[in-house]
Amino acid sequence: MKTTKWSLRDLARLNTAFNNCKNPEIKSKLEIIGVGDILVDKGINLHSDIVDLDMKHKNELQEKSQAFTLYKEKRDECQNDYDTILHFVRIATRFNSNLSLRIRTTAIPENPVDEWPYQIDLFYESLEKEPFIMNFLKERKFPDDIIRTNRAKIKTLIDLRSRVDTEKGQAEDVRRERDSKFAELTDLWWELKSYAVFALKDTPQLLEELGIKVKS
């Protein structure tokens, strides 16, 4: 099978060619050399499959985009929550080196993206194990469940990231299937063209109907 670049223009051209093979005059000449509905219908059906897959691919890309938008919104919210807590934790530990060593008070970098939420969650987990920190936050009017709330948001963020990856993978799977069928259709067209050039050699106008250019 040839490596064929996906093209809507070429898909339309191939669809026209296979459908024009239903022209009674073209059909009769092809049947003389044993080329009948089986080959032609296969091309028409492949075209239909490709159109459906292309629409499905577009839908998958849209779902991926929507999932990423939700992820980005939740990520920004989680980042803001983390920055706020980290600011107060740094204040609480500024005179306690042992406590500072037990808790990561340097900002957690956002890269690699996949690890960031897990690192933030570990940071929150470490805070829950430090009564001094939890009391300090309570005295600064943070809700008693602030850490649990922030960890729940992080879990949601992780789930959203997984959804983005899932949608991306599904879109790639559909794209590969679409492109594979398009390559198959192109190969089938080259086979049909070889037959048509022979069967219709005396009727160049019919070759033109199939999109086969005839040298004058």
C-alpha atoms as a PDB file:
ATOM      1  CA  MET A   1       0.000   0.000   0.000  1.00  0.00           C
ATOM      2  CA  LYS A   2       1.310   3.427  -0.925  1.00  0.00           C
ATOM      3  CA  THR A   3       1.832   6.134   1.688  1.00  0.00           C
ATOM      4  CA  THR A   4      -0.918   8.557   0.787  1.00  0.00           C
ATOM      5  CA  LYS A   5      -1.443  12.000   2.266  1.00  0.00           C
ATOM      6  CA  TRP A   6      -4.987  12.640   3.384  1.00  0.00           C
ATOM      7  CA  SER A   7      -6.801  15.137   1.165  1.00  0.00           C
ATOM      8  CA  LEU A   8     -10.498  16.091   0.995  1.00  0.00           C
ATOM      9  CA  ARG A   9      -9.977  17.277  -2.591  1.00  0.00           C
ATOM     10  CA  ASP A  10      -8.553  13.907  -3.653  1.00  0.00           C
ATOM     11  CA  LEU A  11     -11.329  12.116  -1.777  1.00  0.00           C
ATOM     12  CA  ALA A  12     -13.960  14.039  -3.759  1.00  0.00           C
ATOM     13  CA  ARG A  13     -12.120  13.301  -7.009  1.00  0.00           C
ATOM     14  CA  LEU A  14     -11.980   9.581  -6.274  1.00  0.00           C
ATOM     15  CA  ASN A  15     -15.633   9.519  -5.300  1.00  0.00           C
ATOM     16  CA  THR A  16     -16.583  11.085  -8.634  1.00  0.00           C
ATOM     17  CA  ALA A  17     -14.470   8.548 -10.521  1.00  0.00           C
ATOM     18  CA  PHE A  18     -15.980   5.488  -8.849  1.00  0.00           C
ATOM     19  CA  ASN A  19     -19.527   6.793  -9.144  1.00  0.00           C
ATOM     20  CA  ASN A  20     -19.020   7.618 -12.815  1.00  0.00           C
ATOM     21  CA  CYS A  21     -18.165   3.958 -13.368  1.00  0.00           C
ATOM     22  CA  LYS A  22     -21.918   3.401 -12.988  1.00  0.00           C
ATOM     23  CA  ASN A  23     -22.368   5.211 -16.300  1.00  0.00           C
ATOM     24  CA  PRO A  24     -23.864   2.421 -18.466  1.00  0.00           C
ATOM     25  CA  GLU A  25     -21.405   3.021 -21.292  1.00  0.00           C
ATOM     26  CA  ILE A  26     -18.377   2.956 -19.018  1.00  0.00           C
ATOM     27  CA  LYS A  27     -19.764   0.043 -17.016  1.00  0.00           C
ATOM     28  CA  SER A  28     -20.329  -2.104 -20.121  1.00  0.00           C
ATOM     29  CA  LYS A  29     -16.791  -1.540 -21.404  1.00  0.00           C
ATOM     30  CA  LEU A  30     -15.273  -2.362 -18.011  1.00  0.00           C
ATOM     31  CA  GLU A  31     -17.366  -5.522 -17.730  1.00  0.00           C
ATOM     32  CA  ILE A  32     -15.901  -6.768 -21.002  1.00  0.00           C
ATOM     33  CA  ILE A  33     -12.525  -7.121 -19.262  1.00  0.00           C
ATOM     34  CA  GLY A  34     -14.045  -8.538 -16.081  1.00  0.00           C
ATOM     35  CA  VAL A  35     -14.268  -5.373 -13.995  1.00  0.00           C
ATOM     36  CA  GLY A  36     -17.729  -5.210 -12.472  1.00  0.00           C
ATOM     37  CA  ASP A  37     -19.694  -3.903  -9.515  1.00  0.00           C
ATOM     38  CA  ILE A  38     -17.578  -5.642  -6.875  1.00  0.00           C
ATOM     39  CA  LEU A  39     -14.551  -3.417  -7.433  1.00  0.00           C
ATOM     40  CA  VAL A  40     -16.554  -0.260  -8.084  1.00  0.00           C
ATOM     41  CA  ASP A  41     -18.872  -0.748  -5.111  1.00  0.00           C
ATOM     42  CA  LYS A  42     -15.868  -1.391  -2.883  1.00  0.00           C
ATOM     43  CA  GLY A  43     -14.533   2.029  -3.844  1.00  0.00           C
ATOM     44  CA  ILE A  44     -17.885   3.701  -3.213  1.00  0.00           C
ATOM     45  CA  ASN A  45     -18.230   1.993   0.160  1.00  0.00           C
ATOM     46  CA  LEU A  46     -14.695   2.946   1.137  1.00  0.00           C
ATOM     47  CA  HIS A  47     -15.527   6.555   0.344  1.00  0.00           C
ATOM     48  CA  SER A  48     -18.585   6.368   2.587  1.00  0.00           C
ATOM     49  CA  ASP A  49     -16.518   4.859   5.418  1.00  0.00           C
ATOM     50  CA  ILE A  50     -13.891   7.584   5.056  1.00  0.00           C
ATOM     51  CA  VAL A  51     -16.488  10.363   5.186  1.00  0.00           C
ATOM     52  CA  ASP A  52     -17.933   8.875   8.385  1.00  0.00           C
ATOM     53  CA  LEU A  53     -14.481   8.509   9.920  1.00  0.00           C
ATOM     54  CA  ASP A  54     -13.522  12.056   8.996  1.00  0.00           C
ATOM     55  CA  MET A  55     -16.645  13.372  10.727  1.00  0.00           C
ATOM     56  CA  LYS A  56     -15.893  11.193  13.743  1.00  0.00           C
ATOM     57  CA  HIS A  57     -12.326  12.533  13.790  1.00  0.00           C
ATOM     58  CA  LYS A  58     -13.612  16.112  13.806  1.00  0.00           C
ATOM     59  CA  ASN A  59     -15.944  15.258  16.692  1.00  0.00           C
ATOM     60  CA  GLU A  60     -13.121  13.634  18.643  1.00  0.00           C
ATOM     61  CA  LEU A  61     -10.943  16.721  18.152  1.00  0.00           C
ATOM     62  CA  GLN A  62     -13.774  18.923  19.383  1.00  0.00           C
ATOM     63  CA  GLU A  63     -14.229  16.755  22.473  1.00  0.00           C
ATOM     64  CA  LYS A  64     -10.489  16.864  23.112  1.00  0.00           C
ATOM     65  CA  SER A  65     -10.541  20.663  22.860  1.00  0.00           C
ATOM     66  CA  GLN A  66     -13.473  20.907  25.262  1.00  0.00           C
ATOM     67  CA  ALA A  67     -11.771  18.574  27.725  1.00  0.00           C
ATOM     68  CA  PHE A  68      -8.548  20.595  27.552  1.00  0.00           C
ATOM     69  CA  THR A  69     -10.446  23.848  28.167  1.00  0.00           C
ATOM     70  CA  LEU A  70     -11.980  22.364  31.334  1.00  0.00           C
ATOM     71  CA  TYR A  71      -8.568  21.041  32.370  1.00  0.00           C
ATOM     72  CA  LYS A  72      -6.930  24.439  31.873  1.00  0.00           C
ATOM     73  CA  GLU A  73      -9.626  26.215  33.901  1.00  0.00           C
ATOM     74  CA  LYS A  74      -9.276  23.735  36.778  1.00  0.00           C
ATOM     75  CA  ARG A  75      -5.485  23.864  36.533  1.00  0.00           C
ATOM     76  CA  ASP A  76      -5.491  27.659  36.893  1.00  0.00           C
ATOM     77  CA  GLU A  77      -7.774  27.330  39.918  1.00  0.00           C
ATOM     78  CA  CYS A  78      -5.507  24.702  41.480  1.00  0.00           C
ATOM     79  CA  GLN A  79      -2.446  26.845  40.789  1.00  0.00           C
ATOM     80  CA  ASN A  80      -4.034  29.802  42.538  1.00  0.00           C
ATOM     81  CA  ASP A  81      -5.015  27.640  45.532  1.00  0.00           C
ATOM     82  CA  TYR A  82      -1.487  26.258  45.756  1.00  0.00           C
ATOM     83  CA  ASP A  83       0.180  29.664  45.482  1.00  0.00           C
ATOM     84  CA  THR A  84      -2.014  30.993  48.296  1.00  0.00           C
ATOM     85  CA  ILE A  85      -1.309  28.084  50.664  1.00  0.00           C
ATOM     86  CA  LEU A  86       2.401  28.083  49.829  1.00  0.00           C
ATOM     87  CA  HIS A  87       2.646  31.783  50.686  1.00  0.00           C
ATOM     88  CA  PHE A  88       1.295  31.200  54.189  1.00  0.00           C
ATOM     89  CA  VAL A  89       3.303  28.015  54.710  1.00  0.00           C
ATOM     90  CA  ARG A  90       6.476  29.959  53.971  1.00  0.00           C
ATOM     91  CA  ILE A  91       5.494  32.485  56.616  1.00  0.00           C
ATOM     92  CA  ALA A  92       4.796  29.705  59.119  1.00  0.00           C
ATOM     93  CA  THR A  93       8.143  27.961  58.542  1.00  0.00           C
ATOM     94  CA  ARG A  94      10.434  30.963  58.194  1.00  0.00           C
ATOM     95  CA  PHE A  95      11.886  30.486  61.697  1.00  0.00           C
ATOM     96  CA  ASN A  96      11.629  26.694  61.831  1.00  0.00           C
ATOM     97  CA  SER A  97      14.298  25.080  59.657  1.00  0.00           C
ATOM     98  CA  ASN A  98      13.386  21.517  60.679  1.00  0.00           C
ATOM     99  CA  LEU A  99       9.768  22.043  59.674  1.00  0.00           C
ATOM    100  CA  SER A 100      10.844  23.724  56.464  1.00  0.00           C
ATOM    101  CA  LEU A 101      12.960  20.690  55.598  1.00  0.00           C
ATOM    102  CA  ARG A 102      10.000  18.367  56.064  1.00  0.00           C
ATOM    103  CA  ILE A 103       7.806  20.459  53.763  1.00  0.00           C
ATOM    104  CA  ARG A 104       8.680  21.540  50.254  1.00  0.00           C
ATOM    105  CA  THR A 105       8.493  25.328  50.464  1.00  0.00           C
ATOM    106  CA  THR A 106      10.079  25.979  47.077  1.00  0.00           C
ATOM    107  CA  ALA A 107       7.545  26.405  44.291  1.00  0.00           C
ATOM    108  CA  ILE A 108       6.827  23.207  42.403  1.00  0.00           C
ATOM    109  CA  PRO A 109       7.579  23.734  38.681  1.00  0.00           C
ATOM    110  CA  GLU A 110       4.762  23.122  36.219  1.00  0.00           C
ATOM    111  CA  ASN A 111       6.879  20.851  34.044  1.00  0.00           C
ATOM    112  CA  PRO A 112       6.636  18.034  33.399  1.00  0.00           C
ATOM    113  CA  VAL A 113       2.894  18.691  33.158  1.00  0.00           C
ATOM    114  CA  ASP A 114       1.821  15.148  34.047  1.00  0.00           C
ATOM    115  CA  GLU A 115       3.731  15.169  37.347  1.00  0.00           C
ATOM    116  CA  TRP A 116       2.686  18.593  38.613  1.00  0.00           C
ATOM    117  CA  PRO A 117      -0.703  17.646  40.131  1.00  0.00           C
ATOM    118  CA  TYR A 118       0.795  14.664  41.936  1.00  0.00           C
ATOM    119  CA  GLN A 119       3.584  16.818  43.398  1.00  0.00           C
ATOM    120  CA  ILE A 120       1.025  19.363  44.613  1.00  0.00           C
ATOM    121  CA  ASP A 121      -1.009  16.583  46.206  1.00  0.00           C
ATOM    122  CA  LEU A 122       2.089  15.298  48.023  1.00  0.00           C
ATOM    123  CA  PHE A 123       2.702  18.828  49.277  1.00  0.00           C
ATOM    124  CA  TYR A 124      -0.819  18.995  50.692  1.00  0.00           C
ATOM    125  CA  GLU A 125      -0.434  15.545  52.219  1.00  0.00           C
ATOM    126  CA  SER A 126       2.705  16.676  54.020  1.00  0.00           C
ATOM    127  CA  LEU A 127       0.838  19.684  55.438  1.00  0.00           C
ATOM    128  CA  GLU A 128      -1.901  17.464  56.888  1.00  0.00           C
ATOM    129  CA  LYS A 129       0.764  15.674  58.932  1.00  0.00           C
ATOM    130  CA  GLU A 130       1.937  18.926  60.556  1.00  0.00           C
ATOM    131  CA  PRO A 131      -0.401  20.140  63.347  1.00  0.00           C
ATOM    132  CA  PHE A 132       1.551  23.393  63.621  1.00  0.00           C
ATOM    133  CA  ILE A 133       0.878  24.235  59.988  1.00  0.00           C
ATOM    134  CA  MET A 134      -2.782  23.270  60.181  1.00  0.00           C
ATOM    135  CA  ASN A 135      -3.273  25.405  63.304  1.00  0.00           C
ATOM    136  CA  PHE A 136      -1.430  28.284  61.665  1.00  0.00           C
ATOM    137  CA  LEU A 137      -3.764  28.169  58.665  1.00  0.00           C
ATOM    138  CA  LYS A 138      -6.809  27.957  60.952  1.00  0.00           C
ATOM    139  CA  GLU A 139      -5.648  31.032  62.858  1.00  0.00           C
ATOM    140  CA  ARG A 140      -5.399  32.871  59.535  1.00  0.00           C
ATOM    141  CA  LYS A 141      -9.095  32.127  58.936  1.00  0.00           C
ATOM    142  CA  PHE A 142      -8.644  29.331  56.410  1.00  0.00           C
ATOM    143  CA  PRO A 143     -11.507  26.794  56.555  1.00  0.00           C
ATOM    144  CA  ASP A 144     -10.741  23.667  58.593  1.00  0.00           C
ATOM    145  CA  ASP A 145     -11.131  21.521  55.471  1.00  0.00           C
ATOM    146  CA  ILE A 146      -9.062  23.743  53.155  1.00  0.00           C
ATOM    147  CA  ILE A 147      -6.440  21.073  52.473  1.00  0.00           C
ATOM    148  CA  ARG A 148      -9.025  18.339  51.850  1.00  0.00           C
ATOM    149  CA  THR A 149     -10.884  20.693  49.529  1.00  0.00           C
ATOM    150  CA  ASN A 150      -7.730  21.545  47.593  1.00  0.00           C
ATOM    151  CA  ARG A 151      -6.761  17.869  47.323  1.00  0.00           C
ATOM    152  CA  ALA A 152     -10.225  17.068  45.939  1.00  0.00           C
ATOM    153  CA  LYS A 153      -9.680  19.733  43.286  1.00  0.00           C
ATOM    154  CA  ILE A 154      -6.334  18.177  42.433  1.00  0.00           C
ATOM    155  CA  LYS A 155      -7.989  14.779  42.016  1.00  0.00           C
ATOM    156  CA  THR A 156     -10.517  16.367  39.653  1.00  0.00           C
ATOM    157  CA  LEU A 157      -7.626  17.949  37.759  1.00  0.00           C
ATOM    158  CA  ILE A 158      -5.902  14.574  37.402  1.00  0.00           C
ATOM    159  CA  ASP A 159      -9.139  13.028  36.129  1.00  0.00           C
ATOM    160  CA  LEU A 160      -9.541  15.837  33.595  1.00  0.00           C
ATOM    161  CA  ARG A 161      -5.981  15.332  32.390  1.00  0.00           C
ATOM    162  CA  SER A 162      -6.714  11.650  31.914  1.00  0.00           C
ATOM    163  CA  ARG A 163      -9.806  12.579  29.901  1.00  0.00           C
ATOM    164  CA  VAL A 164      -7.732  14.874  27.678  1.00  0.00           C
ATOM    165  CA  ASP A 165      -5.275  12.062  27.023  1.00  0.00           C
ATOM    166  CA  THR A 166      -8.121   9.645  26.312  1.00  0.00           C
ATOM    167  CA  GLU A 167      -9.792  12.006  23.844  1.00  0.00           C
ATOM    168  CA  LYS A 168      -6.449  12.649  22.171  1.00  0.00           C
ATOM    169  CA  GLY A 169      -5.804   8.932  21.815  1.00  0.00           C
ATOM    170  CA  GLN A 170      -9.266   8.304  20.396  1.00  0.00           C
ATOM    171  CA  ALA A 171      -8.812  11.102  17.864  1.00  0.00           C
ATOM    172  CA  GLU A 172      -5.485   9.615  16.780  1.00  0.00           C
ATOM    173  CA  ASP A 173      -6.994   6.150  16.421  1.00  0.00           C
ATOM    174  CA  VAL A 174      -9.789   7.465  14.203  1.00  0.00           C
ATOM    175  CA  ARG A 175      -7.342   9.530  12.144  1.00  0.00           C
ATOM    176  CA  ARG A 176      -5.143   6.509  11.528  1.00  0.00           C
ATOM    177  CA  GLU A 177      -8.138   4.401  10.505  1.00  0.00           C
ATOM    178  CA  ARG A 178      -9.382   7.128   8.172  1.00  0.00           C
ATOM    179  CA  ASP A 179      -5.968   7.589   6.572  1.00  0.00           C
ATOM    180  CA  SER A 180      -5.536   3.825   6.180  1.00  0.00           C
ATOM    181  CA  LYS A 181      -8.840   3.521   4.362  1.00  0.00           C
ATOM    182  CA  PHE A 182      -7.947   6.534   2.218  1.00  0.00           C
ATOM    183  CA  ALA A 183      -4.699   4.835   1.211  1.00  0.00           C
ATOM    184  CA  GLU A 184      -6.685   1.679   0.445  1.00  0.00           C
ATOM    185  CA  LEU A 185      -9.097   3.682  -1.710  1.00  0.00           C
ATOM    186  CA  THR A 186      -6.183   5.287  -3.554  1.00  0.00           C
ATOM    187  CA  ASP A 187      -4.644   1.891  -4.255  1.00  0.00           C
ATOM    188  CA  LEU A 188      -7.999   0.653  -5.531  1.00  0.00           C
ATOM    189  CA  TRP A 189      -8.231   3.683  -7.797  1.00  0.00           C
ATOM    190  CA  TRP A 190      -4.844   2.931  -9.358  1.00  0.00           C
ATOM    191  CA  GLU A 191      -6.052  -0.590 -10.052  1.00  0.00           C
ATOM    192  CA  LEU A 192      -9.277   0.692 -11.615  1.00  0.00           C
ATOM    193  CA  LYS A 193      -7.376   3.280 -13.618  1.00  0.00           C
ATOM    194  CA  SER A 194      -5.134   0.584 -15.109  1.00  0.00           C
ATOM    195  CA  TYR A 195      -8.181  -1.332 -16.289  1.00  0.00           C
ATOM    196  CA  ALA A 196      -9.984   1.789 -17.505  1.00  0.00           C
ATOM    197  CA  VAL A 197      -7.073   3.036 -19.593  1.00  0.00           C
ATOM    198  CA  PHE A 198      -7.175  -0.252 -21.478  1.00  0.00           C
ATOM    199  CA  ALA A 199     -10.959  -0.694 -21.650  1.00  0.00           C
ATOM    200  CA  LEU A 200     -11.689   2.905 -22.650  1.00  0.00           C
ATOM    201  CA  LYS A 201      -8.685   3.591 -24.852  1.00  0.00           C
ATOM    202  CA  ASP A 202     -10.921   4.240 -27.856  1.00  0.00           C
ATOM    203  CA  THR A 203     -13.263   6.574 -25.953  1.00  0.00           C
ATOM    204  CA  PRO A 204     -11.109   9.303 -24.402  1.00  0.00           C
ATOM    205  CA  GLN A 205     -14.194  11.291 -23.412  1.00  0.00           C
ATOM    206  CA  LEU A 206     -15.165   8.457 -21.063  1.00  0.00           C
ATOM    207  CA  LEU A 207     -11.691   8.432 -19.558  1.00  0.00           C
ATOM    208  CA  GLU A 208     -12.130  12.126 -18.901  1.00  0.00           C
ATOM    209  CA  GLU A 209     -15.292  11.303 -16.926  1.00  0.00           C
ATOM    210  CA  LEU A 210     -13.116   9.232 -14.617  1.00  0.00           C
ATOM    211  CA  GLY A 211     -10.682  12.077 -14.192  1.00  0.00           C
ATOM    212  CA  ILE A 212      -8.047  10.423 -16.387  1.00  0.00           C
ATOM    213  CA  LYS A 213      -6.302  12.990 -18.512  1.00  0.00           C
ATOM    214  CA  VAL A 214      -5.797  11.960 -22.125  1.00  0.00           C
ATOM    215  CA  LYS A 215      -2.911  13.335 -24.112  1.00  0.00           C
ATOM    216  CA  SER A 216      -4.097  14.989 -27.277  1.00  0.00           C
END
